[in-house]
Amino acid sequence: MLNTPLTVKRTFSNGHRKTVGKLAENRDGTYFQYDEAYLEKHPSSIAPFNIKADLSLQKAPRQPHYGLHGVFGDSFLMVGGYTSWIGFLGKMATIHN
């Protein structure tokens, strides 16, 4: 289980990196919350079918990505399944665009 939230960053084509939000996990599931400054500048969702473009804490559905929001499941290197991707990546995850 994740002990500290992961900071999710986005790398733009010009090389600039922006914090998108945080991923956190507890016994009930995995949650994502946008960074307020990111939403002010980029008001559309990174995953419009599953993540609302607002500041609410949003729980990932159990399926089809084993309790992880699909946009993150598709973005992370898998090492030993969905349980160990958090420990492998440490505190920072990056989504490249």
Protein backbone atom coordinates (compact mmCIF):
# COMPACT_ATOMS: atom_id res chain seq x y z
CA MET A 1 0.00 0.00 0.00
CA LEU A 2 1.14 3.53 -0.78
CA ASN A 3 2.37 5.34 2.34
CA THR A 4 2.76 8.76 0.73
CA PRO A 5 0.91 10.21 -2.26
CA LEU A 6 2.54 10.13 -5.69
CA THR A 7 2.98 13.45 -7.45
CA VAL A 8 1.78 13.09 -11.05
CA LYS A 9 3.60 15.36 -13.49
CA ARG A 10 3.02 16.03 -17.18
CA THR A 11 5.88 16.73 -19.57
CA PHE A 12 4.88 18.95 -22.49
CA SER A 13 6.45 18.85 -25.96
CA ASN A 14 8.51 21.95 -25.12
CA GLY A 15 10.09 20.13 -22.17
CA HIS A 16 8.21 21.99 -19.42
CA ARG A 17 6.89 19.84 -16.59
CA LYS A 18 3.75 20.66 -14.64
CA THR A 19 2.26 18.96 -11.61
CA VAL A 20 -1.10 17.47 -12.61
CA GLY A 21 -2.17 16.18 -9.20
CA LYS A 22 -1.68 13.44 -6.63
CA LEU A 23 -2.40 9.72 -6.50
CA ALA A 24 -3.02 8.14 -3.11
CA GLU A 25 -4.02 4.69 -1.94
CA ASN A 26 -5.69 3.30 1.16
CA ARG A 27 -7.56 0.10 2.02
CA ASP A 28 -10.62 1.32 0.13
CA GLY A 29 -8.86 2.00 -3.16
CA THR A 30 -6.74 4.36 -5.22
CA TYR A 31 -7.64 8.04 -5.48
CA PHE A 32 -6.63 10.95 -7.71
CA GLN A 33 -6.95 14.67 -7.08
CA TYR A 34 -6.00 17.42 -9.52
CA ASP A 35 -3.62 20.20 -8.56
CA GLU A 36 -5.55 23.49 -8.46
CA ALA A 37 -2.92 25.41 -10.48
CA TYR A 38 -2.96 22.75 -13.20
CA LEU A 39 -6.75 22.93 -13.61
CA GLU A 40 -6.66 26.72 -13.80
CA LYS A 41 -4.34 26.52 -16.80
CA HIS A 42 -5.64 23.24 -18.32
CA PRO A 43 -9.38 22.95 -17.55
CA SER A 44 -10.02 19.73 -19.50
CA SER A 45 -9.59 16.27 -17.99
CA ILE A 46 -6.61 14.02 -18.71
CA ALA A 47 -9.14 11.14 -18.77
CA PRO A 48 -12.58 12.55 -19.59
CA PHE A 49 -14.44 9.22 -19.26
CA ASN A 50 -13.27 8.50 -15.70
CA ILE A 51 -11.78 11.62 -14.09
CA LYS A 52 -13.75 14.83 -13.73
CA ALA A 53 -11.86 18.09 -14.27
CA ASP A 54 -12.43 19.37 -10.74
CA LEU A 55 -10.73 19.38 -7.34
CA SER A 56 -12.68 16.47 -5.85
CA LEU A 57 -10.96 13.34 -4.55
CA GLN A 58 -11.83 10.72 -7.20
CA LYS A 59 -11.76 7.01 -6.51
CA ALA A 60 -10.64 4.71 -9.32
CA PRO A 61 -13.06 2.00 -10.46
CA ARG A 62 -12.12 -1.59 -9.58
CA GLN A 63 -12.31 -2.71 -13.21
CA PRO A 64 -10.89 -2.84 -15.81
CA HIS A 65 -7.52 -1.71 -14.41
CA TYR A 66 -7.50 -3.47 -11.02
CA GLY A 67 -8.47 -0.38 -9.04
CA LEU A 68 -6.30 2.13 -10.88
CA HIS A 69 -7.53 4.93 -13.13
CA GLY A 70 -7.01 3.78 -16.71
CA VAL A 71 -4.89 6.77 -17.73
CA PHE A 72 -2.34 5.81 -15.07
CA GLY A 73 -2.55 2.08 -15.71
CA ASP A 74 -1.67 2.77 -19.34
CA SER A 75 1.18 5.11 -18.41
CA PHE A 76 3.20 3.21 -15.81
CA LEU A 77 5.80 0.53 -16.27
CA MET A 78 4.44 -2.64 -14.76
CA VAL A 79 6.73 -4.50 -12.38
CA GLY A 80 5.13 -7.45 -10.68
CA GLY A 81 1.57 -6.28 -11.25
CA TYR A 82 -0.49 -3.35 -10.06
CA THR A 83 0.48 -3.76 -6.43
CA SER A 84 4.18 -3.10 -6.92
CA TRP A 85 4.09 -0.24 -9.45
CA ILE A 86 3.73 2.24 -6.60
CA GLY A 87 6.74 0.92 -4.69
CA PHE A 88 8.82 0.76 -7.87
CA LEU A 89 8.13 4.34 -8.86
CA GLY A 90 8.58 5.88 -5.43
CA LYS A 91 7.17 9.35 -4.87
CA MET A 92 7.02 10.66 -8.41
CA ALA A 93 5.28 9.40 -11.51
CA THR A 94 5.43 11.10 -14.89
CA ILE A 95 2.90 11.08 -17.70
CA HIS A 96 4.48 12.12 -21.00
CA ASN A 97 2.39 13.97 -23.55
